[in-house]
Amino acid sequence: MRSVLLFWIGQGVRIFRVDNPHTKGFAFWEWVINQVKDDDPDVLFLAEAFTRPHLMYGLAKLGFSQSYTYFTWRNTKDELTSYFRELTGTELREYFRPNLWPNTPDILPEYLQTGGRAAFMVRLVLAATLGANYGIYGPAFELCENAPKENGSEEYLNSEKYELKRWNVNAAHSLSELIARVNRIRRENRALQSDSNLHFHDTDNPSIICYSKATDDLTCIVIVVANLDAFHPQSGWVNLDLTAIGLDAKQDARTFQAHDLLGDGRYLWQGSRNYVELIPESLPAHIFRVRRWVRTEQDFDYYL
């Protein structure tokens, strides 16, 4: 088995996605991962281990670089908040590296089956901003494929696992442009490239979630606000913890600029309490870059 891995490494492969590693011997993984990394430390092992938590975390301790997570089934504000506080605010952050997938070749969750295109959009934004690592199951996600094999099933109808499919990747309803935009935002904002400094902020509407990520030096601060209801517009007030995002409650009480990197809108927010309204069928989320007030010169405001 080691020779198989080494062969593909010799062909340039640097990432191995391992199917159900928890059903194989743990001693083997500890041995073979160490063997590989002794010569090729940049090789990544991704554990596709949708199993009990202690098994998932055990694989991480043995050397798996990243792991699939329960994000696929965490949909409500309370579920997402609780789960990601566990991943980023407990000892798990020391050894468990989450990789977030809204769907996989094997799993079409109910939220995507019933929520239409808006559900795919919001799950993309959540996956790409809650975690430093995320993935999607290609054209099926881009084209919002949501037909299950049968009622109550999480398996795709006419699954690509069992037949050749020809995708119309240029279809008008494709999410490819949105995906490209989100990936560009990730590349250009270092705060989204780490799992540290994730902070959830209060909202007065349970269908709206708000959280922020920031670099340690606070030169990059991103706030995400998302509508978790794929069917209805939702509005409400977000209550920002200004200290958590590096803003002084007194100094920045006047205004700061929230630049929406998705829609390119620019909003002047004042203090901690600010209003949002999100329409799912157009764009169910904001990814704000926080730009602090610097100075006024000849009646022009500057935000950096």
C-alpha atoms as a PDB file:
ATOM      1  CA  MET A   1       0.000   0.000   0.000  1.00  0.00           C
ATOM      2  CA  ARG A   2       2.863   2.369   0.721  1.00  0.00           C
ATOM      3  CA  SER A   3       4.304   1.676  -2.727  1.00  0.00           C
ATOM      4  CA  VAL A   4       0.971   2.634  -4.318  1.00  0.00           C
ATOM      5  CA  LEU A   5       1.049   6.016  -2.558  1.00  0.00           C
ATOM      6  CA  LEU A   6       4.689   6.558  -3.463  1.00  0.00           C
ATOM      7  CA  PHE A   7       3.971   5.763  -7.119  1.00  0.00           C
ATOM      8  CA  TRP A   8       1.340   8.483  -7.366  1.00  0.00           C
ATOM      9  CA  ILE A   9       3.482  10.941  -5.428  1.00  0.00           C
ATOM     10  CA  GLY A  10       6.102  10.299  -8.087  1.00  0.00           C
ATOM     11  CA  GLN A  11       3.541  11.376 -10.700  1.00  0.00           C
ATOM     12  CA  GLY A  12       3.003  14.691  -8.897  1.00  0.00           C
ATOM     13  CA  VAL A  13      -0.001  13.855  -6.721  1.00  0.00           C
ATOM     14  CA  ARG A  14       0.094  15.824  -3.469  1.00  0.00           C
ATOM     15  CA  ILE A  15      -3.395  15.276  -2.029  1.00  0.00           C
ATOM     16  CA  PHE A  16      -4.953  11.913  -1.158  1.00  0.00           C
ATOM     17  CA  ARG A  17      -8.651  11.866  -0.303  1.00  0.00           C
ATOM     18  CA  VAL A  18      -9.077   8.614   1.643  1.00  0.00           C
ATOM     19  CA  ASP A  19     -12.507   6.966   1.575  1.00  0.00           C
ATOM     20  CA  ASN A  20     -13.728   5.768   4.988  1.00  0.00           C
ATOM     21  CA  PRO A  21     -10.308   5.545   6.657  1.00  0.00           C
ATOM     22  CA  HIS A  22     -12.000   4.762   9.980  1.00  0.00           C
ATOM     23  CA  THR A  23     -12.881   1.287   8.666  1.00  0.00           C
ATOM     24  CA  LYS A  24      -9.190   0.409   8.232  1.00  0.00           C
ATOM     25  CA  GLY A  25      -6.507  -0.193  10.831  1.00  0.00           C
ATOM     26  CA  PHE A  26      -5.497   2.960  12.691  1.00  0.00           C
ATOM     27  CA  ALA A  27      -1.978   1.615  13.224  1.00  0.00           C
ATOM     28  CA  PHE A  28      -1.580   1.379   9.447  1.00  0.00           C
ATOM     29  CA  TRP A  29      -2.476   5.046   8.909  1.00  0.00           C
ATOM     30  CA  GLU A  30      -0.122   6.219  11.627  1.00  0.00           C
ATOM     31  CA  TRP A  31       2.701   4.209  10.049  1.00  0.00           C
ATOM     32  CA  VAL A  32       2.103   5.014   6.378  1.00  0.00           C
ATOM     33  CA  ILE A  33       1.453   8.757   6.873  1.00  0.00           C
ATOM     34  CA  ASN A  34       4.702   9.084   8.817  1.00  0.00           C
ATOM     35  CA  GLN A  35       6.513   7.079   6.135  1.00  0.00           C
ATOM     36  CA  VAL A  36       5.244   9.361   3.378  1.00  0.00           C
ATOM     37  CA  LYS A  37       5.793  12.640   5.229  1.00  0.00           C
ATOM     38  CA  ASP A  38       9.362  11.752   6.153  1.00  0.00           C
ATOM     39  CA  ASP A  39      10.273  12.254   2.486  1.00  0.00           C
ATOM     40  CA  ASP A  40       7.377  14.433   1.270  1.00  0.00           C
ATOM     41  CA  PRO A  41       6.115  16.632   4.121  1.00  0.00           C
ATOM     42  CA  ASP A  42       3.900  18.668   1.768  1.00  0.00           C
ATOM     43  CA  VAL A  43       1.644  15.698   0.930  1.00  0.00           C
ATOM     44  CA  LEU A  44      -1.868  16.095   2.376  1.00  0.00           C
ATOM     45  CA  PHE A  45      -4.170  13.320   3.572  1.00  0.00           C
ATOM     46  CA  LEU A  46      -7.889  14.202   3.611  1.00  0.00           C
ATOM     47  CA  ALA A  47     -10.058  11.865   5.712  1.00  0.00           C
ATOM     48  CA  GLU A  48     -13.514  11.257   4.245  1.00  0.00           C
ATOM     49  CA  ALA A  49     -14.679   9.995   7.626  1.00  0.00           C
ATOM     50  CA  PHE A  50     -18.367  10.732   8.232  1.00  0.00           C
ATOM     51  CA  THR A  51     -18.377   8.772  11.449  1.00  0.00           C
ATOM     52  CA  ARG A  52     -18.512   9.212  15.219  1.00  0.00           C
ATOM     53  CA  PRO A  53     -16.603  12.227  16.570  1.00  0.00           C
ATOM     54  CA  HIS A  54     -13.993  10.295  18.538  1.00  0.00           C
ATOM     55  CA  LEU A  55     -13.029   8.350  15.401  1.00  0.00           C
ATOM     56  CA  MET A  56     -12.786  11.497  13.294  1.00  0.00           C
ATOM     57  CA  TYR A  57     -10.640  13.195  15.901  1.00  0.00           C
ATOM     58  CA  GLY A  58      -8.548  10.059  16.411  1.00  0.00           C
ATOM     59  CA  LEU A  59      -7.622  10.024  12.723  1.00  0.00           C
ATOM     60  CA  ALA A  60      -6.519  13.655  12.982  1.00  0.00           C
ATOM     61  CA  LYS A  61      -4.244  12.791  15.891  1.00  0.00           C
ATOM     62  CA  LEU A  62      -2.705   9.966  13.837  1.00  0.00           C
ATOM     63  CA  GLY A  63      -1.600  12.389  11.129  1.00  0.00           C
ATOM     64  CA  PHE A  64      -4.467  13.108   8.721  1.00  0.00           C
ATOM     65  CA  SER A  65      -3.970  16.662   7.480  1.00  0.00           C
ATOM     66  CA  GLN A  66      -7.665  17.495   7.112  1.00  0.00           C
ATOM     67  CA  SER A  67     -11.056  15.874   7.650  1.00  0.00           C
ATOM     68  CA  TYR A  68     -14.594  16.051   6.373  1.00  0.00           C
ATOM     69  CA  THR A  69     -16.995  17.441   8.994  1.00  0.00           C
ATOM     70  CA  TYR A  70     -20.629  17.511  10.072  1.00  0.00           C
ATOM     71  CA  PHE A  71     -21.033  20.910   8.376  1.00  0.00           C
ATOM     72  CA  THR A  72     -22.967  19.098   5.651  1.00  0.00           C
ATOM     73  CA  TRP A  73     -25.867  18.636   8.096  1.00  0.00           C
ATOM     74  CA  ARG A  74     -25.582  21.787  10.212  1.00  0.00           C
ATOM     75  CA  ASN A  75     -28.148  24.216   8.831  1.00  0.00           C
ATOM     76  CA  THR A  76     -29.691  26.380  11.538  1.00  0.00           C
ATOM     77  CA  LYS A  77     -28.091  29.337  13.267  1.00  0.00           C
ATOM     78  CA  ASP A  78     -27.840  27.456  16.571  1.00  0.00           C
ATOM     79  CA  GLU A  79     -26.411  24.330  14.920  1.00  0.00           C
ATOM     80  CA  LEU A  80     -23.743  26.238  13.015  1.00  0.00           C
ATOM     81  CA  THR A  81     -22.788  28.438  15.952  1.00  0.00           C
ATOM     82  CA  SER A  82     -22.505  25.553  18.405  1.00  0.00           C
ATOM     83  CA  TYR A  83     -20.562  23.303  16.030  1.00  0.00           C
ATOM     84  CA  PHE A  84     -18.002  25.878  14.934  1.00  0.00           C
ATOM     85  CA  ARG A  85     -17.445  27.098  18.463  1.00  0.00           C
ATOM     86  CA  GLU A  86     -16.576  23.493  19.272  1.00  0.00           C
ATOM     87  CA  LEU A  87     -14.186  23.224  16.299  1.00  0.00           C
ATOM     88  CA  THR A  88     -12.423  26.542  16.860  1.00  0.00           C
ATOM     89  CA  GLY A  89     -12.819  27.237  20.567  1.00  0.00           C
ATOM     90  CA  THR A  90     -11.824  23.953  22.199  1.00  0.00           C
ATOM     91  CA  GLU A  91      -8.747  21.719  22.145  1.00  0.00           C
ATOM     92  CA  LEU A  92      -9.878  20.428  18.724  1.00  0.00           C
ATOM     93  CA  ARG A  93      -8.274  23.462  17.110  1.00  0.00           C
ATOM     94  CA  GLU A  94      -4.862  22.108  18.137  1.00  0.00           C
ATOM     95  CA  TYR A  95      -5.029  19.023  15.901  1.00  0.00           C
ATOM     96  CA  PHE A  96      -8.271  18.834  13.877  1.00  0.00           C
ATOM     97  CA  ARG A  97      -8.282  20.656  10.522  1.00  0.00           C
ATOM     98  CA  PRO A  98     -11.845  20.823   9.147  1.00  0.00           C
ATOM     99  CA  ASN A  99     -12.656  20.751   5.438  1.00  0.00           C
ATOM    100  CA  LEU A 100     -16.220  21.885   4.712  1.00  0.00           C
ATOM    101  CA  TRP A 101     -18.325  20.271   1.988  1.00  0.00           C
ATOM    102  CA  PRO A 102     -21.934  21.348   1.212  1.00  0.00           C
ATOM    103  CA  ASN A 103     -22.313  18.180  -0.888  1.00  0.00           C
ATOM    104  CA  THR A 104     -20.276  15.174  -1.998  1.00  0.00           C
ATOM    105  CA  PRO A 105     -20.654  12.535  -4.750  1.00  0.00           C
ATOM    106  CA  ASP A 106     -22.375  10.402  -2.099  1.00  0.00           C
ATOM    107  CA  ILE A 107     -24.403  12.983  -0.215  1.00  0.00           C
ATOM    108  CA  LEU A 108     -27.132  15.362  -1.366  1.00  0.00           C
ATOM    109  CA  PRO A 109     -28.451  16.791   1.928  1.00  0.00           C
ATOM    110  CA  GLU A 110     -32.093  17.671   2.410  1.00  0.00           C
ATOM    111  CA  TYR A 111     -31.361  21.407   2.628  1.00  0.00           C
ATOM    112  CA  LEU A 112     -30.076  21.385  -0.968  1.00  0.00           C
ATOM    113  CA  GLN A 113     -32.875  19.096  -2.156  1.00  0.00           C
ATOM    114  CA  THR A 114     -35.601  21.503  -1.031  1.00  0.00           C
ATOM    115  CA  GLY A 115     -34.021  24.965  -1.011  1.00  0.00           C
ATOM    116  CA  GLY A 116     -33.409  25.522  -4.710  1.00  0.00           C
ATOM    117  CA  ARG A 117     -30.650  27.735  -6.097  1.00  0.00           C
ATOM    118  CA  ALA A 118     -30.647  30.020  -3.055  1.00  0.00           C
ATOM    119  CA  ALA A 119     -29.744  27.089  -0.797  1.00  0.00           C
ATOM    120  CA  PHE A 120     -26.715  26.292  -2.958  1.00  0.00           C
ATOM    121  CA  MET A 121     -25.591  29.925  -2.865  1.00  0.00           C
ATOM    122  CA  VAL A 122     -25.773  30.322   0.896  1.00  0.00           C
ATOM    123  CA  ARG A 123     -24.133  26.964   1.603  1.00  0.00           C
ATOM    124  CA  LEU A 124     -21.281  27.939  -0.714  1.00  0.00           C
ATOM    125  CA  VAL A 125     -20.712  31.203   1.143  1.00  0.00           C
ATOM    126  CA  LEU A 126     -20.882  29.490   4.540  1.00  0.00           C
ATOM    127  CA  ALA A 127     -18.438  26.735   3.544  1.00  0.00           C
ATOM    128  CA  ALA A 128     -15.984  29.184   1.990  1.00  0.00           C
ATOM    129  CA  THR A 129     -15.970  31.632   4.916  1.00  0.00           C
ATOM    130  CA  LEU A 130     -16.540  29.560   8.070  1.00  0.00           C
ATOM    131  CA  GLY A 131     -13.495  27.409   7.325  1.00  0.00           C
ATOM    132  CA  ALA A 132     -10.092  27.861   5.751  1.00  0.00           C
ATOM    133  CA  ASN A 133     -10.628  24.734   3.631  1.00  0.00           C
ATOM    134  CA  TYR A 134     -13.727  23.817   1.678  1.00  0.00           C
ATOM    135  CA  GLY A 135     -14.769  21.786  -1.331  1.00  0.00           C
ATOM    136  CA  ILE A 136     -17.753  21.125  -3.578  1.00  0.00           C
ATOM    137  CA  TYR A 137     -18.760  18.197  -5.748  1.00  0.00           C
ATOM    138  CA  GLY A 138     -18.144  19.941  -9.072  1.00  0.00           C
ATOM    139  CA  PRO A 139     -20.729  20.375 -11.831  1.00  0.00           C
ATOM    140  CA  ALA A 140     -23.516  18.882  -9.708  1.00  0.00           C
ATOM    141  CA  PHE A 141     -23.113  21.762  -7.265  1.00  0.00           C
ATOM    142  CA  GLU A 142     -22.445  24.448  -9.883  1.00  0.00           C
ATOM    143  CA  LEU A 143     -25.658  23.457 -11.705  1.00  0.00           C
ATOM    144  CA  CYS A 144     -27.712  23.065  -8.506  1.00  0.00           C
ATOM    145  CA  GLU A 145     -28.560  19.396  -9.073  1.00  0.00           C
ATOM    146  CA  ASN A 146     -31.040  18.578  -6.310  1.00  0.00           C
ATOM    147  CA  ALA A 147     -33.042  15.494  -7.358  1.00  0.00           C
ATOM    148  CA  PRO A 148     -32.681  12.625  -4.841  1.00  0.00           C
ATOM    149  CA  LYS A 149     -32.892   8.955  -5.690  1.00  0.00           C
ATOM    150  CA  GLU A 150     -36.097   8.721  -3.679  1.00  0.00           C
ATOM    151  CA  ASN A 151     -37.914  10.527  -0.887  1.00  0.00           C
ATOM    152  CA  GLY A 152     -35.898  10.421   2.300  1.00  0.00           C
ATOM    153  CA  SER A 153     -32.696   9.518   0.471  1.00  0.00           C
ATOM    154  CA  GLU A 154     -29.514  11.602   0.412  1.00  0.00           C
ATOM    155  CA  GLU A 155     -28.243   9.883  -2.733  1.00  0.00           C
ATOM    156  CA  TYR A 156     -28.355  11.590  -6.115  1.00  0.00           C
ATOM    157  CA  LEU A 157     -30.849  10.463  -8.752  1.00  0.00           C
ATOM    158  CA  ASN A 158     -29.002   9.242 -11.866  1.00  0.00           C
ATOM    159  CA  SER A 159     -25.771   9.415  -9.938  1.00  0.00           C
ATOM    160  CA  GLU A 160     -22.551  10.117 -11.774  1.00  0.00           C
ATOM    161  CA  LYS A 161     -21.071   7.233  -9.805  1.00  0.00           C
ATOM    162  CA  TYR A 162     -23.048   4.807 -11.950  1.00  0.00           C
ATOM    163  CA  GLU A 163     -23.326   6.451 -15.361  1.00  0.00           C
ATOM    164  CA  LEU A 164     -21.509   8.842 -17.664  1.00  0.00           C
ATOM    165  CA  LYS A 165     -22.959  12.343 -17.513  1.00  0.00           C
ATOM    166  CA  ARG A 166     -22.462  15.259 -19.845  1.00  0.00           C
ATOM    167  CA  TRP A 167     -22.910  18.526 -18.013  1.00  0.00           C
ATOM    168  CA  ASN A 168     -23.941  21.788 -19.636  1.00  0.00           C
ATOM    169  CA  VAL A 169     -21.417  23.828 -17.698  1.00  0.00           C
ATOM    170  CA  ASN A 170     -22.449  27.007 -19.528  1.00  0.00           C
ATOM    171  CA  ALA A 171     -26.075  26.823 -18.397  1.00  0.00           C
ATOM    172  CA  ALA A 172     -27.624  30.163 -17.441  1.00  0.00           C
ATOM    173  CA  HIS A 173     -28.378  29.035 -13.887  1.00  0.00           C
ATOM    174  CA  SER A 174     -24.795  27.902 -13.219  1.00  0.00           C
ATOM    175  CA  LEU A 175     -23.125  29.185 -10.060  1.00  0.00           C
ATOM    176  CA  SER A 176     -19.685  29.200 -11.668  1.00  0.00           C
ATOM    177  CA  GLU A 177     -19.379  33.019 -11.613  1.00  0.00           C
ATOM    178  CA  LEU A 178     -20.393  33.196  -7.959  1.00  0.00           C
ATOM    179  CA  ILE A 179     -17.958  30.414  -7.063  1.00  0.00           C
ATOM    180  CA  ALA A 180     -15.153  32.228  -8.886  1.00  0.00           C
ATOM    181  CA  ARG A 181     -16.007  35.461  -7.091  1.00  0.00           C
ATOM    182  CA  VAL A 182     -16.042  33.776  -3.669  1.00  0.00           C
ATOM    183  CA  ASN A 183     -12.697  32.086  -4.352  1.00  0.00           C
ATOM    184  CA  ARG A 184     -11.205  35.412  -5.434  1.00  0.00           C
ATOM    185  CA  ILE A 185     -12.425  36.986  -2.188  1.00  0.00           C
ATOM    186  CA  ARG A 186     -10.737  34.174  -0.255  1.00  0.00           C
ATOM    187  CA  ARG A 187      -7.452  34.717  -2.079  1.00  0.00           C
ATOM    188  CA  GLU A 188      -7.498  38.463  -1.498  1.00  0.00           C
ATOM    189  CA  ASN A 189      -8.452  38.391   2.203  1.00  0.00           C
ATOM    190  CA  ARG A 190      -6.051  36.631   4.536  1.00  0.00           C
ATOM    191  CA  ALA A 191      -8.623  36.509   7.331  1.00  0.00           C
ATOM    192  CA  LEU A 192     -10.512  33.841   5.369  1.00  0.00           C
ATOM    193  CA  GLN A 193      -7.411  31.667   4.979  1.00  0.00           C
ATOM    194  CA  SER A 194      -7.316  30.637   8.634  1.00  0.00           C
ATOM    195  CA  ASP A 195      -9.571  28.867  11.116  1.00  0.00           C
ATOM    196  CA  SER A 196      -8.535  31.179  13.945  1.00  0.00           C
ATOM    197  CA  ASN A 197     -10.288  34.321  15.165  1.00  0.00           C
ATOM    198  CA  LEU A 198     -13.786  33.144  14.172  1.00  0.00           C
ATOM    199  CA  HIS A 199     -16.304  35.091  16.254  1.00  0.00           C
ATOM    200  CA  PHE A 200     -20.106  34.912  16.154  1.00  0.00           C
ATOM    201  CA  HIS A 201     -22.156  38.065  16.637  1.00  0.00           C
ATOM    202  CA  ASP A 202     -25.729  38.321  17.875  1.00  0.00           C
ATOM    203  CA  THR A 203     -28.686  38.904  15.584  1.00  0.00           C
ATOM    204  CA  ASP A 204     -32.325  39.434  16.512  1.00  0.00           C
ATOM    205  CA  ASN A 205     -33.547  37.098  13.740  1.00  0.00           C
ATOM    206  CA  PRO A 206     -32.843  33.339  14.038  1.00  0.00           C
ATOM    207  CA  SER A 207     -32.807  33.055  10.233  1.00  0.00           C
ATOM    208  CA  ILE A 208     -29.834  35.439   9.985  1.00  0.00           C
ATOM    209  CA  ILE A 209     -26.345  34.429  11.084  1.00  0.00           C
ATOM    210  CA  CYS A 210     -23.453  36.832  11.511  1.00  0.00           C
ATOM    211  CA  TYR A 211     -19.804  36.083  12.190  1.00  0.00           C
ATOM    212  CA  SER A 212     -16.410  37.633  11.633  1.00  0.00           C
ATOM    213  CA  LYS A 213     -12.846  36.532  10.933  1.00  0.00           C
ATOM    214  CA  ALA A 214      -9.744  38.643  11.333  1.00  0.00           C
ATOM    215  CA  THR A 215      -6.004  38.358  10.997  1.00  0.00           C
ATOM    216  CA  ASP A 216      -4.017  38.499  14.220  1.00  0.00           C
ATOM    217  CA  ASP A 217      -2.777  41.996  13.399  1.00  0.00           C
ATOM    218  CA  LEU A 218      -6.320  43.143  12.494  1.00  0.00           C
ATOM    219  CA  THR A 219      -5.224  44.438   9.093  1.00  0.00           C
ATOM    220  CA  CYS A 220      -7.908  42.287   7.476  1.00  0.00           C
ATOM    221  CA  ILE A 221     -11.351  42.054   9.075  1.00  0.00           C
ATOM    222  CA  VAL A 222     -14.239  40.288   7.326  1.00  0.00           C
ATOM    223  CA  ILE A 223     -17.860  40.124   8.506  1.00  0.00           C
ATOM    224  CA  VAL A 224     -20.265  37.621   6.959  1.00  0.00           C
ATOM    225  CA  VAL A 225     -24.036  37.974   7.242  1.00  0.00           C
ATOM    226  CA  ALA A 226     -26.174  35.224   5.715  1.00  0.00           C
ATOM    227  CA  ASN A 227     -29.871  34.464   5.313  1.00  0.00           C
ATOM    228  CA  LEU A 228     -30.357  30.794   6.248  1.00  0.00           C
ATOM    229  CA  ASP A 229     -33.946  30.802   4.951  1.00  0.00           C
ATOM    230  CA  ALA A 230     -33.778  29.763   1.292  1.00  0.00           C
ATOM    231  CA  PHE A 231     -37.426  30.670   0.653  1.00  0.00           C
ATOM    232  CA  HIS A 232     -38.093  34.106   2.146  1.00  0.00           C
ATOM    233  CA  PRO A 233     -36.400  37.503   2.456  1.00  0.00           C
ATOM    234  CA  GLN A 234     -35.187  38.070   5.987  1.00  0.00           C
ATOM    235  CA  SER A 235     -34.247  41.272   7.769  1.00  0.00           C
ATOM    236  CA  GLY A 236     -33.034  42.218  11.199  1.00  0.00           C
ATOM    237  CA  TRP A 237     -30.405  43.857  13.333  1.00  0.00           C
ATOM    238  CA  VAL A 238     -26.897  42.557  13.869  1.00  0.00           C
ATOM    239  CA  ASN A 239     -25.202  43.404  17.139  1.00  0.00           C
ATOM    240  CA  LEU A 240     -21.476  43.479  16.559  1.00  0.00           C
ATOM    241  CA  ASP A 241     -18.935  42.844  19.257  1.00  0.00           C
ATOM    242  CA  LEU A 242     -16.731  45.746  18.196  1.00  0.00           C
ATOM    243  CA  THR A 243     -13.834  44.692  20.392  1.00  0.00           C
ATOM    244  CA  ALA A 244     -13.696  41.294  18.700  1.00  0.00           C
ATOM    245  CA  ILE A 245     -13.156  42.929  15.314  1.00  0.00           C
ATOM    246  CA  GLY A 246     -10.617  45.443  16.524  1.00  0.00           C
ATOM    247  CA  LEU A 247     -12.868  48.487  16.614  1.00  0.00           C
ATOM    248  CA  ASP A 248     -12.920  50.767  19.614  1.00  0.00           C
ATOM    249  CA  ALA A 249     -16.498  51.169  20.762  1.00  0.00           C
ATOM    250  CA  LYS A 250     -16.038  54.873  21.484  1.00  0.00           C
ATOM    251  CA  GLN A 251     -13.731  55.873  18.647  1.00  0.00           C
ATOM    252  CA  ASP A 252     -15.641  53.977  15.961  1.00  0.00           C
ATOM    253  CA  ALA A 253     -19.107  54.778  17.246  1.00  0.00           C
ATOM    254  CA  ARG A 254     -19.461  57.416  14.520  1.00  0.00           C
ATOM    255  CA  THR A 255     -19.083  55.333  11.349  1.00  0.00           C
ATOM    256  CA  PHE A 256     -17.081  52.655   9.619  1.00  0.00           C
ATOM    257  CA  GLN A 257     -17.483  51.319   6.121  1.00  0.00           C
ATOM    258  CA  ALA A 258     -18.785  47.810   5.417  1.00  0.00           C
ATOM    259  CA  HIS A 259     -17.728  47.015   1.845  1.00  0.00           C
ATOM    260  CA  ASP A 260     -19.713  44.073   0.452  1.00  0.00           C
ATOM    261  CA  LEU A 261     -17.189  42.108  -1.599  1.00  0.00           C
ATOM    262  CA  LEU A 262     -19.937  39.976  -3.162  1.00  0.00           C
ATOM    263  CA  GLY A 263     -22.248  42.700  -4.439  1.00  0.00           C
ATOM    264  CA  ASP A 264     -19.706  45.563  -4.274  1.00  0.00           C
ATOM    265  CA  GLY A 265     -22.052  47.739  -2.243  1.00  0.00           C
ATOM    266  CA  ARG A 266     -20.585  50.086   0.366  1.00  0.00           C
ATOM    267  CA  TYR A 267     -22.485  50.844   3.555  1.00  0.00           C
ATOM    268  CA  LEU A 268     -21.724  53.231   6.388  1.00  0.00           C
ATOM    269  CA  TRP A 269     -22.356  51.417   9.635  1.00  0.00           C
ATOM    270  CA  GLN A 270     -22.413  53.162  12.966  1.00  0.00           C
ATOM    271  CA  GLY A 271     -21.552  51.498  16.253  1.00  0.00           C
ATOM    272  CA  SER A 272     -22.454  47.937  17.062  1.00  0.00           C
ATOM    273  CA  ARG A 273     -26.107  47.781  15.968  1.00  0.00           C
ATOM    274  CA  ASN A 274     -26.814  47.773  12.222  1.00  0.00           C
ATOM    275  CA  TYR A 275     -29.663  46.711   9.945  1.00  0.00           C
ATOM    276  CA  VAL A 276     -29.511  44.112   7.158  1.00  0.00           C
ATOM    277  CA  GLU A 277     -31.998  42.709   4.662  1.00  0.00           C
ATOM    278  CA  LEU A 278     -31.224  39.695   2.477  1.00  0.00           C
ATOM    279  CA  ILE A 279     -33.246  38.328  -0.447  1.00  0.00           C
ATOM    280  CA  PRO A 280     -32.420  34.642  -1.064  1.00  0.00           C
ATOM    281  CA  GLU A 281     -33.094  34.427  -4.797  1.00  0.00           C
ATOM    282  CA  SER A 282     -30.776  37.333  -5.639  1.00  0.00           C
ATOM    283  CA  LEU A 283     -27.915  37.076  -3.133  1.00  0.00           C
ATOM    284  CA  PRO A 284     -28.577  35.592   0.303  1.00  0.00           C
ATOM    285  CA  ALA A 285     -25.358  36.774   1.966  1.00  0.00           C
ATOM    286  CA  HIS A 286     -22.943  39.640   2.430  1.00  0.00           C
ATOM    287  CA  ILE A 287     -19.177  39.258   2.772  1.00  0.00           C
ATOM    288  CA  PHE A 288     -18.127  42.603   4.223  1.00  0.00           C
ATOM    289  CA  ARG A 289     -14.572  43.912   4.389  1.00  0.00           C
ATOM    290  CA  VAL A 290     -14.395  46.324   7.307  1.00  0.00           C
ATOM    291  CA  ARG A 291     -12.773  49.637   6.434  1.00  0.00           C
ATOM    292  CA  ARG A 292     -12.161  51.943   9.388  1.00  0.00           C
ATOM    293  CA  TRP A 293     -12.555  55.682   9.260  1.00  0.00           C
ATOM    294  CA  VAL A 294      -9.170  57.347   8.919  1.00  0.00           C
ATOM    295  CA  ARG A 295      -9.680  61.069   8.455  1.00  0.00           C
ATOM    296  CA  THR A 296     -11.692  63.789   6.764  1.00  0.00           C
ATOM    297  CA  GLU A 297      -9.928  66.092   4.336  1.00  0.00           C
ATOM    298  CA  GLN A 298     -11.828  68.842   2.523  1.00  0.00           C
ATOM    299  CA  ASP A 299     -15.140  67.186   3.421  1.00  0.00           C
ATOM    300  CA  PHE A 300     -14.187  63.776   2.001  1.00  0.00           C
ATOM    301  CA  ASP A 301     -14.209  60.703   4.248  1.00  0.00           C
ATOM    302  CA  TYR A 302     -11.477  58.081   3.897  1.00  0.00           C
ATOM    303  CA  TYR A 303     -11.902  54.434   4.817  1.00  0.00           C
ATOM    304  CA  LEU A 304      -9.081  51.870   4.751  1.00  0.00           C
END
